[in-house]
């Protein structure tokens, strides 16, 4: 469950940038790393960090306390983008991630 990834003492948002990752988790390819001018908000949320599941962008945001949320796990903050991607995969239960369209 996403609760297993919930931080006890989250690092402040001004801390070091989260580590990049690229792995297969429960059969899904999850990747995360610094955004390079792309993303839905051009780096306005999440400190310029991008997360993808099977190549589709997962909209992520970093909270003021340093925790991370996504459109899938909006009310379940976690400590890292990697934990967030894993929680989203579990929540999707095999369903595809549908791209977020703004506008």
Protein backbone atom coordinates (compact mmCIF):
# COMPACT_ATOMS: atom_id res chain seq x y z
CA UNK A 1 0.00 0.00 0.00
CA UNK A 2 1.05 3.59 -0.47
CA UNK A 3 1.02 3.98 3.30
CA UNK A 4 4.18 1.87 3.49
CA UNK A 5 6.00 4.62 1.60
CA UNK A 6 4.67 7.49 3.74
CA UNK A 7 7.53 9.54 5.22
CA UNK A 8 7.95 9.91 8.95
CA UNK A 9 10.35 12.86 8.82
CA UNK A 10 10.31 14.27 5.30
CA UNK A 11 13.24 16.33 4.09
CA UNK A 12 12.50 20.00 3.52
CA UNK A 13 11.68 21.06 -0.04
CA UNK A 14 14.92 23.07 -0.24
CA UNK A 15 17.01 19.92 0.24
CA UNK A 16 19.00 18.11 -2.44
CA UNK A 17 17.30 17.14 -5.69
CA UNK A 18 15.80 13.64 -5.70
CA UNK A 19 17.87 10.90 -7.31
CA UNK A 20 17.04 9.82 -10.86
CA UNK A 21 15.67 6.31 -11.33
CA UNK A 22 14.83 3.90 -14.14
CA UNK A 23 13.43 0.50 -13.22
CA UNK A 24 10.74 -2.04 -13.94
CA UNK A 25 8.31 -2.24 -11.02
CA UNK A 26 5.48 -4.78 -11.07
CA UNK A 27 5.95 -5.13 -14.82
CA UNK A 28 5.79 -1.37 -15.51
CA UNK A 29 8.74 0.80 -16.57
CA UNK A 30 9.04 3.75 -14.20
CA UNK A 31 11.52 6.57 -14.73
CA UNK A 32 12.22 9.79 -12.94
CA UNK A 33 14.72 12.59 -13.24
CA UNK A 34 15.22 16.31 -13.62
CA UNK A 35 12.90 17.88 -16.18
CA UNK A 36 14.52 19.58 -19.13
CA UNK A 37 11.98 22.32 -19.89
CA UNK A 38 9.19 19.86 -20.67
CA UNK A 39 6.37 18.57 -18.56
CA UNK A 40 2.88 19.88 -18.10
CA UNK A 41 3.93 22.99 -16.22
CA UNK A 42 7.41 23.58 -17.62
CA UNK A 43 8.91 22.71 -14.25
CA UNK A 44 6.61 24.91 -12.12
CA UNK A 45 5.71 21.99 -9.83
CA UNK A 46 7.95 19.30 -8.44
CA UNK A 47 11.12 21.34 -8.69
CA UNK A 48 11.50 20.51 -12.35
CA UNK A 49 11.25 16.75 -11.85
CA UNK A 50 9.54 14.41 -14.33
CA UNK A 51 8.14 10.92 -13.64
CA UNK A 52 6.91 8.54 -16.35
CA UNK A 53 5.13 5.20 -16.27
CA UNK A 54 5.57 3.20 -19.46
CA UNK A 55 6.61 6.41 -21.22
CA UNK A 56 3.54 8.44 -20.16
CA UNK A 57 4.13 11.41 -17.88
CA UNK A 58 2.73 11.16 -14.35
CA UNK A 59 1.90 14.69 -13.17
CA UNK A 60 3.81 15.14 -9.89
CA UNK A 61 4.06 17.97 -7.39
CA UNK A 62 6.33 18.56 -4.43
CA UNK A 63 4.66 19.85 -1.27
CA UNK A 64 6.17 22.58 0.91
CA UNK A 65 7.26 19.96 3.45
CA UNK A 66 9.28 18.09 0.82
CA UNK A 67 6.81 15.25 0.28
CA UNK A 68 5.50 14.34 -3.19
CA UNK A 69 1.99 13.79 -4.57
CA UNK A 70 0.59 12.91 -7.99
CA UNK A 71 -2.74 13.04 -9.77
CA UNK A 72 -3.17 9.39 -8.79
CA UNK A 73 -2.04 9.64 -5.16
CA UNK A 74 -3.06 13.22 -4.41
CA UNK A 75 -3.99 12.58 -0.77
CA UNK A 76 -1.17 10.13 0.00
CA UNK A 77 2.11 12.07 0.15
CA UNK A 78 5.33 10.05 -0.05
CA UNK A 79 8.99 10.84 0.57
CA UNK A 80 10.44 10.48 -2.94
CA UNK A 81 9.38 10.55 -6.59
CA UNK A 82 10.44 6.88 -6.86
CA UNK A 83 8.08 5.94 -4.02
CA UNK A 84 5.41 8.03 -5.73
CA UNK A 85 5.85 6.20 -9.05
CA UNK A 86 5.67 2.82 -7.29
CA UNK A 87 2.51 3.85 -5.40
CA UNK A 88 0.91 4.99 -8.68
CA UNK A 89 1.73 1.64 -10.33
CA UNK A 90 0.07 -0.20 -7.44
CA UNK A 91 -2.99 2.07 -7.63
CA UNK A 92 -3.31 1.66 -11.41
CA UNK A 93 -3.58 -2.14 -10.95
CA UNK A 94 -2.46 -2.75 -14.55
CA UNK A 95 -4.54 0.03 -16.14
CA UNK A 96 -2.70 2.36 -18.52
CA UNK A 97 -1.76 5.84 -17.38
CA UNK A 98 -3.87 8.23 -19.45
CA UNK A 99 -2.07 11.48 -20.31
CA UNK A 100 -3.26 14.56 -18.43
CA UNK A 101 -4.65 17.16 -20.80
CA UNK A 102 -4.81 20.72 -19.60
CA UNK A 103 -6.82 23.43 -21.22
